[in-house]
């Protein structure tokens, strides 16, 4: 229906996104209303592996470029995107051209939400609390904020309740059935655009993080599930800090704290 419409208008809201750069804009078309085949191709291992596929990055981001193309193909004529605050209230709105209005909104969000990276031995964050920390799958987003400010070989601690457990059988089994994280990554990178499997992008990003950092989860998720996914489990933040310090081998490890990992752009 959208492809055949004489006039196509999209509405949405803009927030940081851990691989599309920002939500909103042509993301309403792809992945919003695109076919499964198109979505899987857009989320392929080649694109996710790109160095520009990061929170807050639009220019040179192949996923975003693909989304712009999708908007052009269906002649998305007009967008209305809003920005909301922590209380879910609209604080600004951007309307007009699918690219120009979206970029204006993204600039506004970036100015509000960007923080300079403070590289540390230990990076601590959360996934924004309920309902965003409902499972491990969703918690990967918060981990990427910590990833951006954690030294290679350092430790990421994320506090996320994960009342729903892992969040996806494929996601969980990908790690559970692999002897090493590198095995997970090698398997995913071997797949072409037309071979993308649902949820592999989340596995790929988690694998990217785990290949460079130890991850400790302070969570209500079962310890066995966390450890099956090649991460460490801690009952509370005090124990997590003790474990992290033992891993770094530094009694005075430098620590960076990001209170809400899903709402910031760490540069």
C-alpha atoms as a PDB file:
ATOM      1  CA  UNK A   1       0.000   0.000   0.000  1.00  0.00           C
ATOM      2  CA  UNK A   2       2.805   2.407   0.858  1.00  0.00           C
ATOM      3  CA  UNK A   3       4.656   1.714  -2.391  1.00  0.00           C
ATOM      4  CA  UNK A   4       1.509   2.381  -4.431  1.00  0.00           C
ATOM      5  CA  UNK A   5       0.364   5.488  -2.519  1.00  0.00           C
ATOM      6  CA  UNK A   6       0.247   8.875  -4.264  1.00  0.00           C
ATOM      7  CA  UNK A   7       1.315  10.586  -1.045  1.00  0.00           C
ATOM      8  CA  UNK A   8       3.345   8.885   1.677  1.00  0.00           C
ATOM      9  CA  UNK A   9       3.887  10.493   5.085  1.00  0.00           C
ATOM     10  CA  UNK A  10       5.733   8.924   8.013  1.00  0.00           C
ATOM     11  CA  UNK A  11       5.645   9.801  11.680  1.00  0.00           C
ATOM     12  CA  UNK A  12       7.967   8.647  14.438  1.00  0.00           C
ATOM     13  CA  UNK A  13      10.404   9.759  17.100  1.00  0.00           C
ATOM     14  CA  UNK A  14      14.137  10.268  17.167  1.00  0.00           C
ATOM     15  CA  UNK A  15      16.471   8.677  19.696  1.00  0.00           C
ATOM     16  CA  UNK A  16      20.012   7.252  19.576  1.00  0.00           C
ATOM     17  CA  UNK A  17      20.180   3.822  17.940  1.00  0.00           C
ATOM     18  CA  UNK A  18      23.092   1.450  18.387  1.00  0.00           C
ATOM     19  CA  UNK A  19      23.569   0.564  14.737  1.00  0.00           C
ATOM     20  CA  UNK A  20      21.243   2.766  12.649  1.00  0.00           C
ATOM     21  CA  UNK A  21      22.733   5.865  14.294  1.00  0.00           C
ATOM     22  CA  UNK A  22      19.343   7.337  15.186  1.00  0.00           C
ATOM     23  CA  UNK A  23      15.745   6.203  14.914  1.00  0.00           C
ATOM     24  CA  UNK A  24      13.189   8.129  12.884  1.00  0.00           C
ATOM     25  CA  UNK A  25      13.330   9.362   9.296  1.00  0.00           C
ATOM     26  CA  UNK A  26      13.404   6.654   6.644  1.00  0.00           C
ATOM     27  CA  UNK A  27      13.669   4.019   9.361  1.00  0.00           C
ATOM     28  CA  UNK A  28       9.866   4.159   9.302  1.00  0.00           C
ATOM     29  CA  UNK A  29      10.107   2.541   5.865  1.00  0.00           C
ATOM     30  CA  UNK A  30      13.116   0.270   6.373  1.00  0.00           C
ATOM     31  CA  UNK A  31      12.791  -1.700   8.580  1.00  0.00           C
ATOM     32  CA  UNK A  32       9.412  -0.218   9.552  1.00  0.00           C
ATOM     33  CA  UNK A  33       7.200  -1.602   6.789  1.00  0.00           C
ATOM     34  CA  UNK A  34       9.711  -3.448   4.596  1.00  0.00           C
ATOM     35  CA  UNK A  35       9.596  -7.158   3.809  1.00  0.00           C
ATOM     36  CA  UNK A  36      11.512  -9.699   5.864  1.00  0.00           C
ATOM     37  CA  UNK A  37      13.919 -10.272   2.954  1.00  0.00           C
ATOM     38  CA  UNK A  38      14.735  -6.562   2.768  1.00  0.00           C
ATOM     39  CA  UNK A  39      15.131  -6.192   6.541  1.00  0.00           C
ATOM     40  CA  UNK A  40      17.483  -9.173   6.781  1.00  0.00           C
ATOM     41  CA  UNK A  41      19.605  -7.837   3.915  1.00  0.00           C
ATOM     42  CA  UNK A  42      19.803  -4.434   5.611  1.00  0.00           C
ATOM     43  CA  UNK A  43      20.906  -6.079   8.875  1.00  0.00           C
ATOM     44  CA  UNK A  44      23.537  -8.249   7.165  1.00  0.00           C
ATOM     45  CA  UNK A  45      26.873  -9.125   8.769  1.00  0.00           C
ATOM     46  CA  UNK A  46      28.768  -6.979   6.245  1.00  0.00           C
ATOM     47  CA  UNK A  47      26.903  -3.823   7.273  1.00  0.00           C
ATOM     48  CA  UNK A  48      26.934  -4.542  11.019  1.00  0.00           C
ATOM     49  CA  UNK A  49      30.700  -5.125  10.803  1.00  0.00           C
ATOM     50  CA  UNK A  50      31.269  -1.641   9.343  1.00  0.00           C
ATOM     51  CA  UNK A  51      33.155   0.810  11.575  1.00  0.00           C
ATOM     52  CA  UNK A  52      30.534   3.528  10.966  1.00  0.00           C
ATOM     53  CA  UNK A  53      27.674   1.375  12.233  1.00  0.00           C
ATOM     54  CA  UNK A  54      27.559   2.943  15.664  1.00  0.00           C
ATOM     55  CA  UNK A  55      25.290   5.004  17.905  1.00  0.00           C
ATOM     56  CA  UNK A  56      24.873   8.568  16.662  1.00  0.00           C
ATOM     57  CA  UNK A  57      26.586   7.990  13.297  1.00  0.00           C
ATOM     58  CA  UNK A  58      24.669   8.637  10.067  1.00  0.00           C
ATOM     59  CA  UNK A  59      27.290   9.745   7.545  1.00  0.00           C
ATOM     60  CA  UNK A  60      28.963   6.737   5.948  1.00  0.00           C
ATOM     61  CA  UNK A  61      26.730   4.313   7.841  1.00  0.00           C
ATOM     62  CA  UNK A  62      25.708   1.647   5.260  1.00  0.00           C
ATOM     63  CA  UNK A  63      22.519   0.708   7.122  1.00  0.00           C
ATOM     64  CA  UNK A  64      21.394   4.329   7.139  1.00  0.00           C
ATOM     65  CA  UNK A  65      22.339   4.808   3.476  1.00  0.00           C
ATOM     66  CA  UNK A  66      20.223   1.763   2.626  1.00  0.00           C
ATOM     67  CA  UNK A  67      17.320   3.217   4.622  1.00  0.00           C
ATOM     68  CA  UNK A  68      17.592   6.511   2.711  1.00  0.00           C
ATOM     69  CA  UNK A  69      17.413   4.554  -0.542  1.00  0.00           C
ATOM     70  CA  UNK A  70      14.283   2.762   0.634  1.00  0.00           C
ATOM     71  CA  UNK A  71      12.630   6.092   1.453  1.00  0.00           C
ATOM     72  CA  UNK A  72      13.523   7.362  -2.001  1.00  0.00           C
ATOM     73  CA  UNK A  73      12.110   4.290  -3.747  1.00  0.00           C
ATOM     74  CA  UNK A  74       8.672   4.649  -2.151  1.00  0.00           C
ATOM     75  CA  UNK A  75       8.855   8.445  -2.541  1.00  0.00           C
ATOM     76  CA  UNK A  76       8.455   9.235   1.135  1.00  0.00           C
ATOM     77  CA  UNK A  77       7.287  12.812   0.712  1.00  0.00           C
ATOM     78  CA  UNK A  78       7.039  14.138   4.256  1.00  0.00           C
ATOM     79  CA  UNK A  79       7.957  13.146   7.803  1.00  0.00           C
ATOM     80  CA  UNK A  80       6.901  14.303  11.229  1.00  0.00           C
ATOM     81  CA  UNK A  81       9.360  13.180  13.900  1.00  0.00           C
ATOM     82  CA  UNK A  82       9.283  14.173  17.555  1.00  0.00           C
ATOM     83  CA  UNK A  83      11.823  14.031  20.360  1.00  0.00           C
ATOM     84  CA  UNK A  84      10.651  12.911  23.789  1.00  0.00           C
ATOM     85  CA  UNK A  85      12.139  13.349  27.244  1.00  0.00           C
ATOM     86  CA  UNK A  86      12.559  10.833  30.069  1.00  0.00           C
ATOM     87  CA  UNK A  87       8.879  11.304  31.000  1.00  0.00           C
ATOM     88  CA  UNK A  88       7.833  10.469  27.403  1.00  0.00           C
ATOM     89  CA  UNK A  89       6.717  14.054  26.795  1.00  0.00           C
ATOM     90  CA  UNK A  90       7.326  15.696  23.428  1.00  0.00           C
ATOM     91  CA  UNK A  91       9.991  18.394  23.735  1.00  0.00           C
ATOM     92  CA  UNK A  92      10.560  19.159  20.046  1.00  0.00           C
ATOM     93  CA  UNK A  93       9.229  18.278  16.603  1.00  0.00           C
ATOM     94  CA  UNK A  94      10.728  18.214  13.126  1.00  0.00           C
ATOM     95  CA  UNK A  95       8.703  18.078   9.932  1.00  0.00           C
ATOM     96  CA  UNK A  96       9.398  18.227   6.219  1.00  0.00           C
ATOM     97  CA  UNK A  97      11.852  16.531   3.874  1.00  0.00           C
ATOM     98  CA  UNK A  98      12.619  12.917   4.788  1.00  0.00           C
ATOM     99  CA  UNK A  99      16.356  13.627   5.051  1.00  0.00           C
ATOM    100  CA  UNK A 100      16.685  17.312   5.932  1.00  0.00           C
ATOM    101  CA  UNK A 101      14.077  17.295   8.699  1.00  0.00           C
ATOM    102  CA  UNK A 102      15.424  14.032  10.096  1.00  0.00           C
ATOM    103  CA  UNK A 103      19.013  15.306  10.175  1.00  0.00           C
ATOM    104  CA  UNK A 104      17.854  18.478  11.917  1.00  0.00           C
ATOM    105  CA  UNK A 105      16.160  16.362  14.570  1.00  0.00           C
ATOM    106  CA  UNK A 106      19.200  14.100  14.930  1.00  0.00           C
ATOM    107  CA  UNK A 107      21.414  17.160  15.463  1.00  0.00           C
ATOM    108  CA  UNK A 108      19.071  18.274  18.245  1.00  0.00           C
ATOM    109  CA  UNK A 109      19.186  14.868  19.944  1.00  0.00           C
ATOM    110  CA  UNK A 110      22.963  14.645  19.535  1.00  0.00           C
ATOM    111  CA  UNK A 111      23.398  18.026  21.217  1.00  0.00           C
ATOM    112  CA  UNK A 112      21.244  16.903  24.136  1.00  0.00           C
ATOM    113  CA  UNK A 113      22.544  13.363  24.519  1.00  0.00           C
ATOM    114  CA  UNK A 114      26.210  13.325  23.458  1.00  0.00           C
ATOM    115  CA  UNK A 115      28.994  12.826  25.993  1.00  0.00           C
ATOM    116  CA  UNK A 116      32.729  12.626  25.507  1.00  0.00           C
ATOM    117  CA  UNK A 117      34.277   9.196  25.980  1.00  0.00           C
ATOM    118  CA  UNK A 118      36.370   8.828  29.132  1.00  0.00           C
ATOM    119  CA  UNK A 119      38.379   5.681  28.477  1.00  0.00           C
ATOM    120  CA  UNK A 120      38.507   3.458  31.526  1.00  0.00           C
ATOM    121  CA  UNK A 121      39.525   0.023  32.766  1.00  0.00           C
ATOM    122  CA  UNK A 122      35.967  -0.594  33.951  1.00  0.00           C
ATOM    123  CA  UNK A 123      32.816   0.867  32.367  1.00  0.00           C
ATOM    124  CA  UNK A 124      29.537   0.611  34.278  1.00  0.00           C
ATOM    125  CA  UNK A 125      26.131   1.178  32.724  1.00  0.00           C
ATOM    126  CA  UNK A 126      22.468   0.118  32.684  1.00  0.00           C
ATOM    127  CA  UNK A 127      19.906  -0.518  30.002  1.00  0.00           C
ATOM    128  CA  UNK A 128      17.628   2.275  31.152  1.00  0.00           C
ATOM    129  CA  UNK A 129      15.480   0.298  33.558  1.00  0.00           C
ATOM    130  CA  UNK A 130      11.991  -1.095  32.946  1.00  0.00           C
ATOM    131  CA  UNK A 131      10.834  -1.930  30.307  1.00  0.00           C
ATOM    132  CA  UNK A 132      14.091  -1.599  28.342  1.00  0.00           C
ATOM    133  CA  UNK A 133      16.032  -4.084  30.489  1.00  0.00           C
ATOM    134  CA  UNK A 134      13.526  -6.907  30.133  1.00  0.00           C
ATOM    135  CA  UNK A 135      16.034  -9.364  28.655  1.00  0.00           C
ATOM    136  CA  UNK A 136      19.670  -9.906  27.693  1.00  0.00           C
ATOM    137  CA  UNK A 137      18.897  -9.338  24.005  1.00  0.00           C
ATOM    138  CA  UNK A 138      17.741  -5.781  24.694  1.00  0.00           C
ATOM    139  CA  UNK A 139      20.622  -5.174  27.115  1.00  0.00           C
ATOM    140  CA  UNK A 140      23.196  -5.378  24.325  1.00  0.00           C
ATOM    141  CA  UNK A 141      22.265  -1.795  23.416  1.00  0.00           C
ATOM    142  CA  UNK A 142      23.395  -0.516  26.811  1.00  0.00           C
ATOM    143  CA  UNK A 143      26.599  -2.515  26.514  1.00  0.00           C
ATOM    144  CA  UNK A 144      27.531  -0.615  23.343  1.00  0.00           C
ATOM    145  CA  UNK A 145      27.577   2.659  25.279  1.00  0.00           C
ATOM    146  CA  UNK A 146      30.028   1.138  27.751  1.00  0.00           C
ATOM    147  CA  UNK A 147      32.009  -0.377  24.874  1.00  0.00           C
ATOM    148  CA  UNK A 148      32.643   3.127  23.524  1.00  0.00           C
ATOM    149  CA  UNK A 149      34.379   4.198  26.729  1.00  0.00           C
ATOM    150  CA  UNK A 150      36.110   0.980  27.862  1.00  0.00           C
ATOM    151  CA  UNK A 151      39.746   0.177  27.086  1.00  0.00           C
ATOM    152  CA  UNK A 152      40.397  -2.955  25.062  1.00  0.00           C
ATOM    153  CA  UNK A 153      40.832  -5.783  27.543  1.00  0.00           C
ATOM    154  CA  UNK A 154      38.779  -3.863  30.100  1.00  0.00           C
ATOM    155  CA  UNK A 155      35.585  -4.869  31.877  1.00  0.00           C
ATOM    156  CA  UNK A 156      32.014  -3.824  31.179  1.00  0.00           C
ATOM    157  CA  UNK A 157      29.489  -4.066  34.003  1.00  0.00           C
ATOM    158  CA  UNK A 158      25.822  -3.721  33.066  1.00  0.00           C
ATOM    159  CA  UNK A 159      22.926  -3.695  35.487  1.00  0.00           C
ATOM    160  CA  UNK A 160      19.778  -5.054  33.829  1.00  0.00           C
ATOM    161  CA  UNK A 161      16.939  -6.965  35.484  1.00  0.00           C
ATOM    162  CA  UNK A 162      16.239  -9.281  32.515  1.00  0.00           C
ATOM    163  CA  UNK A 163      13.034 -10.669  34.014  1.00  0.00           C
ATOM    164  CA  UNK A 164      12.304 -12.339  30.648  1.00  0.00           C
ATOM    165  CA  UNK A 165      15.660 -14.117  30.504  1.00  0.00           C
ATOM    166  CA  UNK A 166      17.711 -14.205  27.324  1.00  0.00           C
ATOM    167  CA  UNK A 167      15.118 -12.752  24.933  1.00  0.00           C
ATOM    168  CA  UNK A 168      15.418 -15.176  22.023  1.00  0.00           C
ATOM    169  CA  UNK A 169      16.215 -18.847  21.490  1.00  0.00           C
ATOM    170  CA  UNK A 170      18.434 -18.288  18.454  1.00  0.00           C
ATOM    171  CA  UNK A 171      20.288 -15.474  20.219  1.00  0.00           C
ATOM    172  CA  UNK A 172      20.858 -17.632  23.297  1.00  0.00           C
ATOM    173  CA  UNK A 173      21.746 -20.857  21.478  1.00  0.00           C
ATOM    174  CA  UNK A 174      24.205 -19.065  19.193  1.00  0.00           C
ATOM    175  CA  UNK A 175      26.440 -18.510  22.191  1.00  0.00           C
ATOM    176  CA  UNK A 176      25.512 -21.578  24.223  1.00  0.00           C
ATOM    177  CA  UNK A 177      26.420 -23.932  21.384  1.00  0.00           C
ATOM    178  CA  UNK A 178      29.719 -22.208  20.552  1.00  0.00           C
ATOM    179  CA  UNK A 179      32.988 -23.162  22.223  1.00  0.00           C
ATOM    180  CA  UNK A 180      34.331 -19.623  21.824  1.00  0.00           C
ATOM    181  CA  UNK A 181      33.056 -16.155  20.987  1.00  0.00           C
ATOM    182  CA  UNK A 182      35.372 -16.071  17.969  1.00  0.00           C
ATOM    183  CA  UNK A 183      33.524 -19.110  16.645  1.00  0.00           C
ATOM    184  CA  UNK A 184      30.274 -17.136  16.852  1.00  0.00           C
ATOM    185  CA  UNK A 185      31.775 -14.185  14.996  1.00  0.00           C
ATOM    186  CA  UNK A 186      33.409 -16.277  12.282  1.00  0.00           C
ATOM    187  CA  UNK A 187      30.137 -18.066  11.565  1.00  0.00           C
ATOM    188  CA  UNK A 188      28.171 -14.826  11.282  1.00  0.00           C
ATOM    189  CA  UNK A 189      30.758 -13.084   9.091  1.00  0.00           C
ATOM    190  CA  UNK A 190      30.713 -16.041   6.690  1.00  0.00           C
ATOM    191  CA  UNK A 191      27.096 -15.257   5.746  1.00  0.00           C
ATOM    192  CA  UNK A 192      26.268 -13.046   2.788  1.00  0.00           C
ATOM    193  CA  UNK A 193      23.482 -10.476   2.625  1.00  0.00           C
ATOM    194  CA  UNK A 194      20.962 -13.042   1.403  1.00  0.00           C
ATOM    195  CA  UNK A 195      21.955 -15.500   4.139  1.00  0.00           C
ATOM    196  CA  UNK A 196      21.177 -13.290   7.132  1.00  0.00           C
ATOM    197  CA  UNK A 197      19.319 -15.093   9.923  1.00  0.00           C
ATOM    198  CA  UNK A 198      16.897 -13.355  12.273  1.00  0.00           C
ATOM    199  CA  UNK A 199      18.591 -11.807  15.315  1.00  0.00           C
ATOM    200  CA  UNK A 200      22.142 -12.499  14.065  1.00  0.00           C
ATOM    201  CA  UNK A 201      22.895  -8.756  14.257  1.00  0.00           C
ATOM    202  CA  UNK A 202      22.384  -8.775  18.018  1.00  0.00           C
ATOM    203  CA  UNK A 203      24.654 -11.805  18.327  1.00  0.00           C
ATOM    204  CA  UNK A 204      27.236 -10.109  16.118  1.00  0.00           C
ATOM    205  CA  UNK A 205      27.319  -6.939  18.207  1.00  0.00           C
ATOM    206  CA  UNK A 206      27.515  -8.888  21.468  1.00  0.00           C
ATOM    207  CA  UNK A 207      30.314 -11.015  20.009  1.00  0.00           C
ATOM    208  CA  UNK A 208      32.152  -7.847  18.958  1.00  0.00           C
ATOM    209  CA  UNK A 209      31.976  -6.581  22.515  1.00  0.00           C
ATOM    210  CA  UNK A 210      32.986  -9.897  24.099  1.00  0.00           C
ATOM    211  CA  UNK A 211      36.014 -10.276  21.844  1.00  0.00           C
ATOM    212  CA  UNK A 212      37.513  -7.142  23.396  1.00  0.00           C
ATOM    213  CA  UNK A 213      35.969  -6.973  26.864  1.00  0.00           C
ATOM    214  CA  UNK A 214      34.853  -9.129  29.751  1.00  0.00           C
ATOM    215  CA  UNK A 215      31.178  -8.469  30.484  1.00  0.00           C
ATOM    216  CA  UNK A 216      29.676  -8.838  33.952  1.00  0.00           C
ATOM    217  CA  UNK A 217      25.895  -8.744  34.269  1.00  0.00           C
ATOM    218  CA  UNK A 218      24.253  -7.648  37.499  1.00  0.00           C
ATOM    219  CA  UNK A 219      20.909  -9.244  36.832  1.00  0.00           C
ATOM    220  CA  UNK A 220      18.026 -11.425  37.947  1.00  0.00           C
ATOM    221  CA  UNK A 221      18.488 -13.603  34.869  1.00  0.00           C
ATOM    222  CA  UNK A 222      19.596 -17.131  35.683  1.00  0.00           C
ATOM    223  CA  UNK A 223      23.322 -17.404  36.234  1.00  0.00           C
ATOM    224  CA  UNK A 224      23.492 -20.421  33.926  1.00  0.00           C
ATOM    225  CA  UNK A 225      22.002 -18.441  31.030  1.00  0.00           C
ATOM    226  CA  UNK A 226      24.446 -15.580  31.474  1.00  0.00           C
ATOM    227  CA  UNK A 227      27.434 -17.901  31.678  1.00  0.00           C
ATOM    228  CA  UNK A 228      26.209 -19.962  28.709  1.00  0.00           C
ATOM    229  CA  UNK A 229      26.469 -16.725  26.742  1.00  0.00           C
ATOM    230  CA  UNK A 230      30.142 -16.296  27.671  1.00  0.00           C
ATOM    231  CA  UNK A 231      29.526 -13.542  30.230  1.00  0.00           C
ATOM    232  CA  UNK A 232      29.916 -13.395  33.989  1.00  0.00           C
ATOM    233  CA  UNK A 233      27.070 -13.148  36.491  1.00  0.00           C
ATOM    234  CA  UNK A 234      27.036 -11.062  39.677  1.00  0.00           C
ATOM    235  CA  UNK A 235      24.276 -10.752  42.313  1.00  0.00           C
ATOM    236  CA  UNK A 236      24.981  -7.076  43.019  1.00  0.00           C
ATOM    237  CA  UNK A 237      27.178  -4.143  42.004  1.00  0.00           C
ATOM    238  CA  UNK A 238      29.591  -4.584  44.905  1.00  0.00           C
ATOM    239  CA  UNK A 239      30.396  -8.132  43.860  1.00  0.00           C
ATOM    240  CA  UNK A 240      30.627  -7.078  40.209  1.00  0.00           C
ATOM    241  CA  UNK A 241      33.190  -4.391  41.050  1.00  0.00           C
ATOM    242  CA  UNK A 242      35.217  -6.873  43.052  1.00  0.00           C
ATOM    243  CA  UNK A 243      35.195  -9.305  40.128  1.00  0.00           C
ATOM    244  CA  UNK A 244      36.105  -6.548  37.670  1.00  0.00           C
ATOM    245  CA  UNK A 245      39.035  -5.401  39.763  1.00  0.00           C
ATOM    246  CA  UNK A 246      40.341  -8.950  39.928  1.00  0.00           C
ATOM    247  CA  UNK A 247      40.106  -9.196  36.145  1.00  0.00           C
ATOM    248  CA  UNK A 248      41.931  -5.916  35.492  1.00  0.00           C
ATOM    249  CA  UNK A 249      44.519  -6.679  38.152  1.00  0.00           C
ATOM    250  CA  UNK A 250      44.442  -3.043  39.230  1.00  0.00           C
ATOM    251  CA  UNK A 251      43.354  -2.085  42.745  1.00  0.00           C
ATOM    252  CA  UNK A 252      42.816   1.471  41.533  1.00  0.00           C
ATOM    253  CA  UNK A 253      41.199   0.757  38.176  1.00  0.00           C
ATOM    254  CA  UNK A 254      39.870   3.799  36.348  1.00  0.00           C
ATOM    255  CA  UNK A 255      36.075   3.615  36.226  1.00  0.00           C
ATOM    256  CA  UNK A 256      33.585   5.391  33.944  1.00  0.00           C
ATOM    257  CA  UNK A 257      29.884   5.291  34.808  1.00  0.00           C
ATOM    258  CA  UNK A 258      27.092   5.815  32.280  1.00  0.00           C
ATOM    259  CA  UNK A 259      23.812   5.869  34.257  1.00  0.00           C
ATOM    260  CA  UNK A 260      21.594   5.211  31.219  1.00  0.00           C
ATOM    261  CA  UNK A 261      23.381   3.458  28.376  1.00  0.00           C
ATOM    262  CA  UNK A 262      20.473   3.523  25.935  1.00  0.00           C
ATOM    263  CA  UNK A 263      19.936   7.277  25.990  1.00  0.00           C
ATOM    264  CA  UNK A 264      23.385   8.655  25.256  1.00  0.00           C
ATOM    265  CA  UNK A 265      25.741   9.001  22.332  1.00  0.00           C
ATOM    266  CA  UNK A 266      29.269   8.303  23.576  1.00  0.00           C
ATOM    267  CA  UNK A 267      31.791   9.968  21.256  1.00  0.00           C
END
